[in-house]
Amino acid sequence: MYIKTFQKTALIVVIAVSISGFLTNCTNSPKKLSRKELNKVSDSSLIIKPEVVSAPSIYLATDTIKYNQKMVSLANGDTTGRWPVKNQPYPIAGAILPFKRIVAFYGNLFSKKMGILGKLPPKEMMALLDVEVKKWEKVDPNTAVQPALHYIAVVAQGDPMKDGKYRYRMPDKQIDSVLAIAKMRENMIIFLDIQVALSQISDEVPKLEKYLKMPNVHLGIDPEFSMKSGKKPGTIVGTFDAADINYCSDYLAKLVRENHLPPKIFIVHRFTQNMVTNSRSIKLHPEVQFVMNMDGWGEPELKKGTYRYFINQEPVQFTGFKLFYINDLRKQPMHMLTPDELMKLKPLPSYIQYQ
């Protein structure tokens, strides 16, 4: 099969279908892990055309017709010309997106304040995740739901630590614990998230390679805590450039090719303009499915505005939306957006994260 891009066939699918402000940062400040916690686990209107890097045709086995149909469906009637994204590559065999919607619980086992993952005991947490999955299955019965756990594997710190990098790498035993929890449900996937602080992304991603070689483990990076300014995490919102993002994508694509893996999903969090710079230079790979995730908390209209300005208007490939069980209720109307409400977004998010 020849490698193709989405651009040439999207118009055919569209014809066929027609016939038949800024948010406050998500954690306020980085969670400082106490010594006790470290030793004990708590139960614009521009149309962006990203650069496409081709893969050998031997890897390609995607149902391209179904893929095109799902991508048009995700555009949800968008009329700007931005969605579906032009010139994106078809994924290699085994792609989750756009055929499924990912519903993930986010957090860290060392802290009950960083997210629902870690706040609740595993059995109770998984039962709640089942409830959220069922809500999405009901609101969009044409899209299967892929449950996931999104674990912060590198956490920004309020103190410099021994090397002065203001970040703490979770011990392997804690990542192993998350993998074990994921086995409580069939075919669950895991995301490992990185808050680099004063470190470099190129120093952190390779540390997780043995996990990223697993077919069910994927990657997330958080620009909020990428402190290129040299300032302490939590004092200002950080940033990643397309060069940082492309490093990760290239790394994942190489890992997939060398280990004959299904595509990796790569999440980048965003809730301000400057959190991601030069987004038009982000490269896409058949081996990597890219998600720009709206990561701010606040009242519904503020969150939807952030999605519109920083996700919709700077398209890359797929989109995500983050919901906060506590922070979204802090201000009037004290309401967390529902699946029904999120199904009105353009484009539809393919990744839903609960914190």
Foldseek 3Di string as FASTA:
>chain_A
DDWDFLAVCLVVLVVVVVVVAFFDAQQLFFDAFDPVLLVDFALALDQFAEAEDEDPPVQADDPSSVQSNLQVVLQVPDDSPNGPHGGFTAAGPPDLPPQAFEEEWEDERSDLRGTLVNVHRLVVSVVVQVVQLVQLCVLCVNHHYAYEYEYAQKTAHQDLPPVRFRIDGRDPVRVVVRVVSQVVDPPHAYEYEYQRQNHALVVPVVVCLVVLLDQRYAYEYEQQRHPPVSDGRSPGGGADELVSVQVVVVVSQVSCVVSVHGAHEYEYEDQDQRNYHPLSHRYHYSRYAYEYEDRHAEEDVNSLVSCVPRDVNRDDHAYHYEWEPPRNQPDPVRDTDGSNRQVNHRRRHRYYYYD
